[in-house]
Amino acid sequence: MIEKIDNAGKADVLIRALPYIQKYFGKIVVIKYGGNAMVDQELKQAVMDDIVLLSLIGIKVVLVHGGGPDINDTMRQMGLEPRFVGGLRYTDEETIKVVQMVLAGKTNKELVSLLQRSGGRAVGLCGLDGDLIHAKKLESDPDLGYVGDIVDINTDIITDQLACGYIPVVATVAYDTDGSTYNINADTAAARIAAELGAENLILMTDIRGLLRDKDDENTLIPFVHISEVPSLVNEGIISGGMIPKIESCVEAVRRGVRKTFIIDGRIPHSILIEMMTDEGIGTMFRV
C-alpha cells in the first residue's frame, strides 16, 4: 500500500529535489531503456512518467531503446526462430528485416505514443535517420550476420530535436555506405550517442540492482566504481557474463567524456528519479 502524502509533504519533496533540478537543468541525459521495464506495463508507464517529468523540469532526455522480446515474438509469428550466438542475436537477411520493422516501427512508435500520452513531446528516430549511426559489419564475430560495429555518430538530428523541446527516441538500427542495414547493440549505441552529445549522464536500465560483489546476493551492491578498477573486478570474476559488455559501454562513455554513467534496476518503479534526484541513488555509478 502506497502511503499518501499531504500537501506539506508534497512541498517538502519538491524543495528536497530543487538542488538536483538545478544541477541537471539544461544538461543532456541519455537513458538506455530495456529489460523487464519494457515488458511490464506498470513499469513501462513509470519510466515514461519519469522521462516526461525530467523533460518538463528542463533536463534534455534522449531515450535509446532495444526491443528483444518484440523482435522474438514477431519472428515466431512469421515462422522464424530466433537464434543467439554468445548472447548476441544472429541476424541474417530475414532477421534484419524484422529487426528494422519492429525496432524502428512498432517499438519506437509505441514509446513515442506513450511519452506523448504522459504529457511529453517525443519524436521517433533510428540510426538511418539524418545519417545518425554509420556502421560496418562486426569484425570480431562476422558469423553473426548483419550485426554492426559503430563507425561514427552524427548527432545533428538529435540536437535539433532537443533544441525544439522534443524527447528523441532512438532505435538502434544503422546503415553502411553499401546500403546494408545493421543491428547495433543498444548499450553500445547509447554510450556512443551520450559521448558525442557531451551528456552529463548515461543511464543503463537492467534487470538487476547494479554491479553486485556476489551475483546471487542483491545486498552486495557496489554503489560506486572508478573506471580504473574495472579490469581488476573482471579478473576477480565480479564483473562477468552479460555484465561485461554493459560495463564496457559505461567505461567507454566515461573515457569519451560523459561525466557519470549508471547501471540501475529497471524493475523498481521510478528508479531513474531515485538515481538522479537523491544522494543515495539506487544502482552503480561509474566515473573517472
C-alpha atoms as a PDB file:
ATOM      1  CA  MET A   1       0.000   0.000   0.000  1.00  0.00           C
ATOM      2  CA  ILE A   2       1.371   3.387  -1.042  1.00  0.00           C
ATOM      3  CA  GLU A   3       1.420   5.946   1.756  1.00  0.00           C
ATOM      4  CA  LYS A   4      -0.447   9.140   0.926  1.00  0.00           C
ATOM      5  CA  ILE A   5       1.466  12.394   1.221  1.00  0.00           C
ATOM      6  CA  ASP A   6      -0.279  15.530   2.447  1.00  0.00           C
ATOM      7  CA  ASN A   7       0.269  18.907   0.821  1.00  0.00           C
ATOM      8  CA  ALA A   8       3.066  19.871   3.204  1.00  0.00           C
ATOM      9  CA  GLY A   9       4.791  16.597   2.431  1.00  0.00           C
ATOM     10  CA  LYS A  10       4.484  17.219  -1.302  1.00  0.00           C
ATOM     11  CA  ALA A  11       6.032  20.673  -0.875  1.00  0.00           C
ATOM     12  CA  ASP A  12       8.881  19.163   1.141  1.00  0.00           C
ATOM     13  CA  VAL A  13       9.586  16.618  -1.615  1.00  0.00           C
ATOM     14  CA  LEU A  14       9.796  19.388  -4.205  1.00  0.00           C
ATOM     15  CA  ILE A  15      12.123  21.500  -2.059  1.00  0.00           C
ATOM     16  CA  ARG A  16      14.393  18.496  -1.467  1.00  0.00           C
ATOM     17  CA  ALA A  17      14.523  17.912  -5.222  1.00  0.00           C
ATOM     18  CA  LEU A  18      15.449  21.528  -6.008  1.00  0.00           C
ATOM     19  CA  PRO A  19      19.284  21.116  -5.798  1.00  0.00           C
ATOM     20  CA  TYR A  20      19.143  18.180  -8.219  1.00  0.00           C
ATOM     21  CA  ILE A  21      16.863  20.073 -10.600  1.00  0.00           C
ATOM     22  CA  GLN A  22      19.301  22.990 -10.564  1.00  0.00           C
ATOM     23  CA  LYS A  23      22.228  20.603 -11.083  1.00  0.00           C
ATOM     24  CA  TYR A  24      20.739  18.971 -14.175  1.00  0.00           C
ATOM     25  CA  PHE A  25      18.841  21.905 -15.673  1.00  0.00           C
ATOM     26  CA  GLY A  26      19.765  22.280 -19.337  1.00  0.00           C
ATOM     27  CA  LYS A  27      22.015  19.195 -19.264  1.00  0.00           C
ATOM     28  CA  ILE A  28      21.674  16.144 -21.528  1.00  0.00           C
ATOM     29  CA  VAL A  29      20.935  12.732 -20.033  1.00  0.00           C
ATOM     30  CA  VAL A  30      20.905   9.609 -22.215  1.00  0.00           C
ATOM     31  CA  ILE A  31      18.800   6.685 -20.975  1.00  0.00           C
ATOM     32  CA  LYS A  32      19.110   3.208 -22.439  1.00  0.00           C
ATOM     33  CA  TYR A  33      15.754   1.515 -21.951  1.00  0.00           C
ATOM     34  CA  GLY A  34      15.472  -2.260 -21.927  1.00  0.00           C
ATOM     35  CA  GLY A  35      14.860  -5.357 -19.842  1.00  0.00           C
ATOM     36  CA  ASN A  36      11.746  -6.059 -17.801  1.00  0.00           C
ATOM     37  CA  ALA A  37      10.852  -2.367 -17.698  1.00  0.00           C
ATOM     38  CA  MET A  38       9.979  -2.678 -21.404  1.00  0.00           C
ATOM     39  CA  VAL A  39       7.671  -5.663 -20.818  1.00  0.00           C
ATOM     40  CA  ASP A  40       5.783  -4.897 -17.609  1.00  0.00           C
ATOM     41  CA  GLN A  41       3.129  -2.280 -18.400  1.00  0.00           C
ATOM     42  CA  GLU A  42       3.181  -0.607 -14.964  1.00  0.00           C
ATOM     43  CA  LEU A  43       6.967  -0.316 -15.049  1.00  0.00           C
ATOM     44  CA  LYS A  44       6.813   0.992 -18.611  1.00  0.00           C
ATOM     45  CA  GLN A  45       4.394   3.709 -17.543  1.00  0.00           C
ATOM     46  CA  ALA A  46       6.612   4.655 -14.590  1.00  0.00           C
ATOM     47  CA  VAL A  47       9.614   5.029 -16.929  1.00  0.00           C
ATOM     48  CA  MET A  48       7.634   7.204 -19.334  1.00  0.00           C
ATOM     49  CA  ASP A  49       6.399   9.381 -16.443  1.00  0.00           C
ATOM     50  CA  ASP A  50       9.973   9.776 -15.146  1.00  0.00           C
ATOM     51  CA  ILE A  51      11.256  10.822 -18.567  1.00  0.00           C
ATOM     52  CA  VAL A  52       8.453  13.323 -19.129  1.00  0.00           C
ATOM     53  CA  LEU A  53       8.993  14.814 -15.670  1.00  0.00           C
ATOM     54  CA  LEU A  54      12.716  15.242 -16.334  1.00  0.00           C
ATOM     55  CA  SER A  55      11.943  16.912 -19.649  1.00  0.00           C
ATOM     56  CA  LEU A  56       9.405  19.282 -18.122  1.00  0.00           C
ATOM     57  CA  ILE A  57      11.887  20.487 -15.465  1.00  0.00           C
ATOM     58  CA  GLY A  58      14.441  21.411 -18.115  1.00  0.00           C
ATOM     59  CA  ILE A  59      16.557  18.270 -18.481  1.00  0.00           C
ATOM     60  CA  LYS A  60      17.245  17.205 -22.074  1.00  0.00           C
ATOM     61  CA  VAL A  61      16.499  13.480 -22.214  1.00  0.00           C
ATOM     62  CA  VAL A  62      17.448  11.152 -25.068  1.00  0.00           C
ATOM     63  CA  LEU A  63      15.870   7.685 -24.908  1.00  0.00           C
ATOM     64  CA  VAL A  64      17.749   4.850 -26.656  1.00  0.00           C
ATOM     65  CA  HIS A  65      15.898   1.537 -26.706  1.00  0.00           C
ATOM     66  CA  GLY A  66      16.175  -2.127 -27.527  1.00  0.00           C
ATOM     67  CA  GLY A  67      13.243  -4.448 -28.134  1.00  0.00           C
ATOM     68  CA  GLY A  68      14.360  -8.066 -27.999  1.00  0.00           C
ATOM     69  CA  PRO A  69      11.057  -9.577 -26.783  1.00  0.00           C
ATOM     70  CA  ASP A  70       9.082  -7.776 -29.517  1.00  0.00           C
ATOM     71  CA  ILE A  71      11.545  -8.992 -32.151  1.00  0.00           C
ATOM     72  CA  ASN A  72      11.321 -12.584 -30.884  1.00  0.00           C
ATOM     73  CA  ASP A  73       7.510 -12.520 -30.852  1.00  0.00           C
ATOM     74  CA  THR A  74       7.309 -11.088 -34.365  1.00  0.00           C
ATOM     75  CA  MET A  75       9.827 -13.585 -35.733  1.00  0.00           C
ATOM     76  CA  ARG A  76       7.874 -16.519 -34.332  1.00  0.00           C
ATOM     77  CA  GLN A  77       4.634 -15.136 -35.772  1.00  0.00           C
ATOM     78  CA  MET A  78       6.396 -15.102 -39.149  1.00  0.00           C
ATOM     79  CA  GLY A  79       7.633 -18.678 -38.738  1.00  0.00           C
ATOM     80  CA  LEU A  80      11.238 -17.664 -37.967  1.00  0.00           C
ATOM     81  CA  GLU A  81      13.103 -18.978 -34.931  1.00  0.00           C
ATOM     82  CA  PRO A  82      15.358 -16.503 -33.063  1.00  0.00           C
ATOM     83  CA  ARG A  83      18.982 -17.623 -32.746  1.00  0.00           C
ATOM     84  CA  PHE A  84      21.676 -16.320 -30.422  1.00  0.00           C
ATOM     85  CA  VAL A  85      25.447 -16.759 -30.528  1.00  0.00           C
ATOM     86  CA  GLY A  86      27.347 -15.860 -27.363  1.00  0.00           C
ATOM     87  CA  GLY A  87      24.363 -13.848 -26.143  1.00  0.00           C
ATOM     88  CA  LEU A  88      24.112 -11.812 -29.366  1.00  0.00           C
ATOM     89  CA  ARG A  89      21.304 -12.184 -31.878  1.00  0.00           C
ATOM     90  CA  TYR A  90      22.211 -13.983 -35.094  1.00  0.00           C
ATOM     91  CA  THR A  91      20.919 -11.614 -37.768  1.00  0.00           C
ATOM     92  CA  ASP A  92      20.548 -12.983 -41.292  1.00  0.00           C
ATOM     93  CA  GLU A  93      18.793 -11.186 -44.163  1.00  0.00           C
ATOM     94  CA  GLU A  94      15.306 -12.150 -42.960  1.00  0.00           C
ATOM     95  CA  THR A  95      16.069 -11.276 -39.348  1.00  0.00           C
ATOM     96  CA  ILE A  96      17.443  -7.808 -40.108  1.00  0.00           C
ATOM     97  CA  LYS A  97      14.205  -7.007 -41.949  1.00  0.00           C
ATOM     98  CA  VAL A  98      12.255  -7.965 -38.827  1.00  0.00           C
ATOM     99  CA  VAL A  99      14.645  -6.038 -36.558  1.00  0.00           C
ATOM    100  CA  GLN A 100      14.246  -2.870 -38.613  1.00  0.00           C
ATOM    101  CA  MET A 101      10.479  -3.260 -38.874  1.00  0.00           C
ATOM    102  CA  VAL A 102       9.994  -3.891 -35.152  1.00  0.00           C
ATOM    103  CA  LEU A 103      12.573  -1.553 -33.608  1.00  0.00           C
ATOM    104  CA  ALA A 104      12.197   1.441 -35.927  1.00  0.00           C
ATOM    105  CA  GLY A 105       8.475   0.846 -36.412  1.00  0.00           C
ATOM    106  CA  LYS A 106       6.373  -0.878 -33.783  1.00  0.00           C
ATOM    107  CA  THR A 107       8.501  -0.476 -30.638  1.00  0.00           C
ATOM    108  CA  ASN A 108       9.770   3.008 -31.411  1.00  0.00           C
ATOM    109  CA  LYS A 109       6.369   4.448 -32.235  1.00  0.00           C
ATOM    110  CA  GLU A 110       4.729   2.813 -29.216  1.00  0.00           C
ATOM    111  CA  LEU A 111       7.258   4.557 -26.958  1.00  0.00           C
ATOM    112  CA  VAL A 112       6.697   7.881 -28.711  1.00  0.00           C
ATOM    113  CA  SER A 113       2.944   7.446 -28.194  1.00  0.00           C
ATOM    114  CA  LEU A 114       3.346   6.578 -24.501  1.00  0.00           C
ATOM    115  CA  LEU A 115       5.549   9.604 -23.863  1.00  0.00           C
ATOM    116  CA  GLN A 116       3.064  11.915 -25.553  1.00  0.00           C
ATOM    117  CA  ARG A 117       0.130  10.411 -23.649  1.00  0.00           C
ATOM    118  CA  SER A 118       2.106  11.138 -20.458  1.00  0.00           C
ATOM    119  CA  GLY A 119       2.326  14.800 -21.435  1.00  0.00           C
ATOM    120  CA  GLY A 120       5.690  14.863 -23.193  1.00  0.00           C
ATOM    121  CA  ARG A 121       6.721  15.838 -26.707  1.00  0.00           C
ATOM    122  CA  ALA A 122       8.583  12.985 -28.396  1.00  0.00           C
ATOM    123  CA  VAL A 123       9.909  12.144 -31.838  1.00  0.00           C
ATOM    124  CA  GLY A 124      10.969   8.711 -33.076  1.00  0.00           C
ATOM    125  CA  LEU A 125      14.325   8.224 -34.799  1.00  0.00           C
ATOM    126  CA  CYS A 126      16.549   5.356 -35.868  1.00  0.00           C
ATOM    127  CA  GLY A 127      20.195   5.187 -36.910  1.00  0.00           C
ATOM    128  CA  LEU A 128      19.251   5.612 -40.571  1.00  0.00           C
ATOM    129  CA  ASP A 129      17.568   8.987 -39.957  1.00  0.00           C
ATOM    130  CA  GLY A 130      19.700  12.058 -40.576  1.00  0.00           C
ATOM    131  CA  ASP A 131      22.841   9.934 -41.022  1.00  0.00           C
ATOM    132  CA  LEU A 132      22.688   9.282 -37.263  1.00  0.00           C
ATOM    133  CA  ILE A 133      24.564   5.964 -36.934  1.00  0.00           C
ATOM    134  CA  HIS A 134      27.042   4.801 -39.562  1.00  0.00           C
ATOM    135  CA  ALA A 135      28.138   1.188 -39.064  1.00  0.00           C
ATOM    136  CA  LYS A 136      30.136  -1.656 -40.552  1.00  0.00           C
ATOM    137  CA  LYS A 137      29.926  -5.417 -40.187  1.00  0.00           C
ATOM    138  CA  LEU A 138      31.031  -6.656 -36.764  1.00  0.00           C
ATOM    139  CA  GLU A 139      34.595  -7.799 -37.438  1.00  0.00           C
ATOM    140  CA  SER A 140      35.095  -9.612 -34.120  1.00  0.00           C
ATOM    141  CA  ASP A 141      32.369 -12.144 -34.993  1.00  0.00           C
ATOM    142  CA  PRO A 142      31.322 -11.957 -38.667  1.00  0.00           C
ATOM    143  CA  ASP A 143      29.300 -15.167 -38.278  1.00  0.00           C
ATOM    144  CA  LEU A 144      26.582 -13.134 -36.540  1.00  0.00           C
ATOM    145  CA  GLY A 145      25.436 -11.782 -39.901  1.00  0.00           C
ATOM    146  CA  TYR A 146      24.044  -8.245 -40.025  1.00  0.00           C
ATOM    147  CA  VAL A 147      25.296  -7.181 -36.603  1.00  0.00           C
ATOM    148  CA  GLY A 148      27.294  -3.974 -36.770  1.00  0.00           C
ATOM    149  CA  ASP A 149      30.111  -2.013 -35.195  1.00  0.00           C
ATOM    150  CA  ILE A 150      29.630   1.749 -34.975  1.00  0.00           C
ATOM    151  CA  VAL A 151      31.908   3.706 -37.299  1.00  0.00           C
ATOM    152  CA  ASP A 152      30.683   7.167 -36.387  1.00  0.00           C
ATOM    153  CA  ILE A 153      27.748   9.096 -34.928  1.00  0.00           C
ATOM    154  CA  ASN A 154      26.192  12.255 -36.336  1.00  0.00           C
ATOM    155  CA  THR A 155      24.049  13.764 -33.579  1.00  0.00           C
ATOM    156  CA  ASP A 156      22.792  16.798 -35.539  1.00  0.00           C
ATOM    157  CA  ILE A 157      19.267  15.412 -35.806  1.00  0.00           C
ATOM    158  CA  ILE A 158      19.178  14.710 -32.048  1.00  0.00           C
ATOM    159  CA  THR A 159      20.438  18.161 -31.071  1.00  0.00           C
ATOM    160  CA  ASP A 160      17.937  19.763 -33.455  1.00  0.00           C
ATOM    161  CA  GLN A 161      15.060  17.888 -31.799  1.00  0.00           C
ATOM    162  CA  LEU A 162      16.312  18.685 -28.289  1.00  0.00           C
ATOM    163  CA  ALA A 163      16.518  22.374 -29.214  1.00  0.00           C
ATOM    164  CA  CYS A 164      12.860  22.236 -30.240  1.00  0.00           C
ATOM    165  CA  GLY A 165      11.847  20.721 -26.902  1.00  0.00           C
ATOM    166  CA  TYR A 166      11.348  17.139 -28.078  1.00  0.00           C
ATOM    167  CA  ILE A 167      12.433  13.895 -26.429  1.00  0.00           C
ATOM    168  CA  PRO A 168      14.312  11.931 -29.138  1.00  0.00           C
ATOM    169  CA  VAL A 169      13.526   8.207 -29.022  1.00  0.00           C
ATOM    170  CA  VAL A 170      16.243   6.269 -30.863  1.00  0.00           C
ATOM    171  CA  ALA A 171      16.040   2.738 -32.286  1.00  0.00           C
ATOM    172  CA  THR A 172      19.491   1.266 -32.822  1.00  0.00           C
ATOM    173  CA  VAL A 173      19.497   0.086 -36.406  1.00  0.00           C
ATOM    174  CA  ALA A 174      22.228   1.606 -38.571  1.00  0.00           C
ATOM    175  CA  TYR A 175      23.445   1.713 -42.157  1.00  0.00           C
ATOM    176  CA  ASP A 176      26.611   1.110 -44.155  1.00  0.00           C
ATOM    177  CA  THR A 177      27.697   3.057 -47.228  1.00  0.00           C
ATOM    178  CA  ASP A 178      26.951  -0.013 -49.382  1.00  0.00           C
ATOM    179  CA  GLY A 179      23.287   0.222 -48.376  1.00  0.00           C
ATOM    180  CA  SER A 180      23.311  -2.612 -45.839  1.00  0.00           C
ATOM    181  CA  THR A 181      21.352  -2.265 -42.594  1.00  0.00           C
ATOM    182  CA  TYR A 182      22.824  -3.485 -39.308  1.00  0.00           C
ATOM    183  CA  ASN A 183      21.535  -4.360 -35.852  1.00  0.00           C
ATOM    184  CA  ILE A 184      23.516  -2.424 -33.214  1.00  0.00           C
ATOM    185  CA  ASN A 185      23.780  -3.316 -29.532  1.00  0.00           C
ATOM    186  CA  ALA A 186      21.658  -0.728 -27.715  1.00  0.00           C
ATOM    187  CA  ASP A 187      24.075  -0.317 -24.778  1.00  0.00           C
ATOM    188  CA  THR A 188      26.940   0.371 -27.182  1.00  0.00           C
ATOM    189  CA  ALA A 189      24.866   2.824 -29.221  1.00  0.00           C
ATOM    190  CA  ALA A 190      23.643   4.670 -26.111  1.00  0.00           C
ATOM    191  CA  ALA A 191      27.224   5.068 -24.871  1.00  0.00           C
ATOM    192  CA  ARG A 192      28.471   6.484 -28.181  1.00  0.00           C
ATOM    193  CA  ILE A 193      25.477   8.808 -28.543  1.00  0.00           C
ATOM    194  CA  ALA A 194      25.963  10.072 -24.968  1.00  0.00           C
ATOM    195  CA  ALA A 195      29.645  10.746 -25.648  1.00  0.00           C
ATOM    196  CA  GLU A 196      29.012  12.592 -28.923  1.00  0.00           C
ATOM    197  CA  LEU A 197      26.330  14.724 -27.248  1.00  0.00           C
ATOM    198  CA  GLY A 198      28.590  15.576 -24.311  1.00  0.00           C
ATOM    199  CA  ALA A 199      25.941  14.171 -21.993  1.00  0.00           C
ATOM    200  CA  GLU A 200      26.077  14.704 -18.251  1.00  0.00           C
ATOM    201  CA  ASN A 201      24.892  11.167 -17.533  1.00  0.00           C
ATOM    202  CA  LEU A 202      24.332   7.840 -19.248  1.00  0.00           C
ATOM    203  CA  ILE A 203      21.845   5.531 -17.511  1.00  0.00           C
ATOM    204  CA  LEU A 204      21.551   1.858 -18.481  1.00  0.00           C
ATOM    205  CA  MET A 205      18.398   0.145 -17.230  1.00  0.00           C
ATOM    206  CA  THR A 206      18.756  -3.576 -16.465  1.00  0.00           C
ATOM    207  CA  ASP A 207      17.015  -6.375 -14.564  1.00  0.00           C
ATOM    208  CA  ILE A 208      19.455  -6.423 -11.639  1.00  0.00           C
ATOM    209  CA  ARG A 209      20.292  -3.924  -8.906  1.00  0.00           C
ATOM    210  CA  GLY A 210      23.608  -2.924 -10.489  1.00  0.00           C
ATOM    211  CA  LEU A 211      27.074  -4.396 -10.097  1.00  0.00           C
ATOM    212  CA  LEU A 212      26.992  -6.970  -7.296  1.00  0.00           C
ATOM    213  CA  ARG A 213      30.040  -8.273  -5.430  1.00  0.00           C
ATOM    214  CA  ASP A 214      28.127 -11.553  -5.157  1.00  0.00           C
ATOM    215  CA  LYS A 215      25.863 -12.003  -8.190  1.00  0.00           C
ATOM    216  CA  ASP A 216      23.447 -14.101  -6.113  1.00  0.00           C
ATOM    217  CA  ASP A 217      23.051 -11.545  -3.311  1.00  0.00           C
ATOM    218  CA  GLU A 218      21.419  -8.192  -4.123  1.00  0.00           C
ATOM    219  CA  ASN A 219      22.568  -6.871  -0.754  1.00  0.00           C
ATOM    220  CA  THR A 220      26.155  -6.814  -2.087  1.00  0.00           C
ATOM    221  CA  LEU A 221      25.552  -3.895  -4.463  1.00  0.00           C
ATOM    222  CA  ILE A 222      28.690  -1.895  -5.265  1.00  0.00           C
ATOM    223  CA  PRO A 223      27.391   1.703  -5.393  1.00  0.00           C
ATOM    224  CA  PHE A 224      30.478   3.379  -6.871  1.00  0.00           C
ATOM    225  CA  VAL A 225      33.263   2.228  -9.207  1.00  0.00           C
ATOM    226  CA  HIS A 226      36.217   4.157 -10.616  1.00  0.00           C
ATOM    227  CA  ILE A 227      36.704   3.002 -14.214  1.00  0.00           C
ATOM    228  CA  SER A 228      40.333   2.233 -13.366  1.00  0.00           C
ATOM    229  CA  GLU A 229      39.042  -0.506 -11.027  1.00  0.00           C
ATOM    230  CA  VAL A 230      37.143  -2.344 -13.756  1.00  0.00           C
ATOM    231  CA  PRO A 231      39.980  -4.603 -15.033  1.00  0.00           C
ATOM    232  CA  SER A 232      40.666  -5.944 -11.529  1.00  0.00           C
ATOM    233  CA  LEU A 233      36.934  -6.535 -10.966  1.00  0.00           C
ATOM    234  CA  VAL A 234      36.867  -8.542 -14.199  1.00  0.00           C
ATOM    235  CA  ASN A 235      39.916 -10.556 -13.106  1.00  0.00           C
ATOM    236  CA  GLU A 236      38.245 -11.287  -9.755  1.00  0.00           C
ATOM    237  CA  GLY A 237      35.138 -12.538 -11.558  1.00  0.00           C
ATOM    238  CA  ILE A 238      32.924  -9.846 -10.003  1.00  0.00           C
ATOM    239  CA  ILE A 239      32.248  -8.468 -13.477  1.00  0.00           C
ATOM    240  CA  SER A 240      31.354 -11.427 -15.665  1.00  0.00           C
ATOM    241  CA  GLY A 241      28.933 -12.757 -18.253  1.00  0.00           C
ATOM    242  CA  GLY A 242      26.349 -10.326 -19.582  1.00  0.00           C
ATOM    243  CA  MET A 243      27.578  -7.544 -17.300  1.00  0.00           C
ATOM    244  CA  ILE A 244      30.878  -7.280 -19.176  1.00  0.00           C
ATOM    245  CA  PRO A 245      29.516  -5.572 -22.333  1.00  0.00           C
ATOM    246  CA  LYS A 246      27.259  -3.288 -20.278  1.00  0.00           C
ATOM    247  CA  ILE A 247      30.126  -2.128 -18.093  1.00  0.00           C
ATOM    248  CA  GLU A 248      32.394  -1.810 -21.123  1.00  0.00           C
ATOM    249  CA  SER A 249      29.800   0.603 -22.526  1.00  0.00           C
ATOM    250  CA  CYS A 250      29.827   2.590 -19.269  1.00  0.00           C
ATOM    251  CA  VAL A 251      33.627   2.765 -19.254  1.00  0.00           C
ATOM    252  CA  GLU A 252      33.772   3.763 -22.919  1.00  0.00           C
ATOM    253  CA  ALA A 253      31.263   6.574 -22.349  1.00  0.00           C
ATOM    254  CA  VAL A 254      33.254   7.971 -19.404  1.00  0.00           C
ATOM    255  CA  ARG A 255      36.511   7.768 -21.359  1.00  0.00           C
ATOM    256  CA  ARG A 256      34.859   9.708 -24.161  1.00  0.00           C
ATOM    257  CA  GLY A 257      33.777  12.497 -21.815  1.00  0.00           C
ATOM    258  CA  VAL A 258      30.446  11.542 -20.221  1.00  0.00           C
ATOM    259  CA  ARG A 259      30.745  12.687 -16.628  1.00  0.00           C
ATOM    260  CA  LYS A 260      28.973   9.741 -14.955  1.00  0.00           C
ATOM    261  CA  THR A 261      27.338   6.513 -16.031  1.00  0.00           C
ATOM    262  CA  PHE A 262      24.914   4.348 -14.090  1.00  0.00           C
ATOM    263  CA  ILE A 263      23.545   0.828 -14.180  1.00  0.00           C
ATOM    264  CA  ILE A 264      20.175   0.769 -12.423  1.00  0.00           C
ATOM    265  CA  ASP A 265      17.404  -1.722 -11.750  1.00  0.00           C
ATOM    266  CA  GLY A 266      14.528  -1.065 -14.143  1.00  0.00           C
ATOM    267  CA  ARG A 267      12.305  -3.417 -12.119  1.00  0.00           C
ATOM    268  CA  ILE A 268      11.977  -0.742  -9.429  1.00  0.00           C
ATOM    269  CA  PRO A 269       9.315   1.894 -10.213  1.00  0.00           C
ATOM    270  CA  HIS A 270      10.769   5.384 -10.740  1.00  0.00           C
ATOM    271  CA  SER A 271      14.339   4.089 -10.483  1.00  0.00           C
ATOM    272  CA  ILE A 272      15.504   6.883 -12.808  1.00  0.00           C
ATOM    273  CA  LEU A 273      14.252   9.585 -10.446  1.00  0.00           C
ATOM    274  CA  ILE A 274      15.639   7.796  -7.388  1.00  0.00           C
ATOM    275  CA  GLU A 275      19.071   7.642  -9.026  1.00  0.00           C
ATOM    276  CA  MET A 276      19.125  11.226 -10.250  1.00  0.00           C
ATOM    277  CA  MET A 277      17.246  13.045  -7.505  1.00  0.00           C
ATOM    278  CA  THR A 278      18.745  11.562  -4.316  1.00  0.00           C
ATOM    279  CA  ASP A 279      22.217  11.414  -2.791  1.00  0.00           C
ATOM    280  CA  GLU A 280      21.943   7.685  -2.127  1.00  0.00           C
ATOM    281  CA  GLY A 281      20.933   6.690  -5.657  1.00  0.00           C
ATOM    282  CA  ILE A 282      19.810   3.171  -6.445  1.00  0.00           C
ATOM    283  CA  GLY A 283      22.369   1.441  -8.675  1.00  0.00           C
ATOM    284  CA  THR A 284      26.082   1.510  -9.511  1.00  0.00           C
ATOM    285  CA  MET A 285      27.840   4.684 -10.645  1.00  0.00           C
ATOM    286  CA  PHE A 286      30.932   4.642 -12.874  1.00  0.00           C
ATOM    287  CA  ARG A 287      33.204   7.632 -13.224  1.00  0.00           C
ATOM    288  CA  VAL A 288      36.867   8.603 -13.557  1.00  0.00           C
END
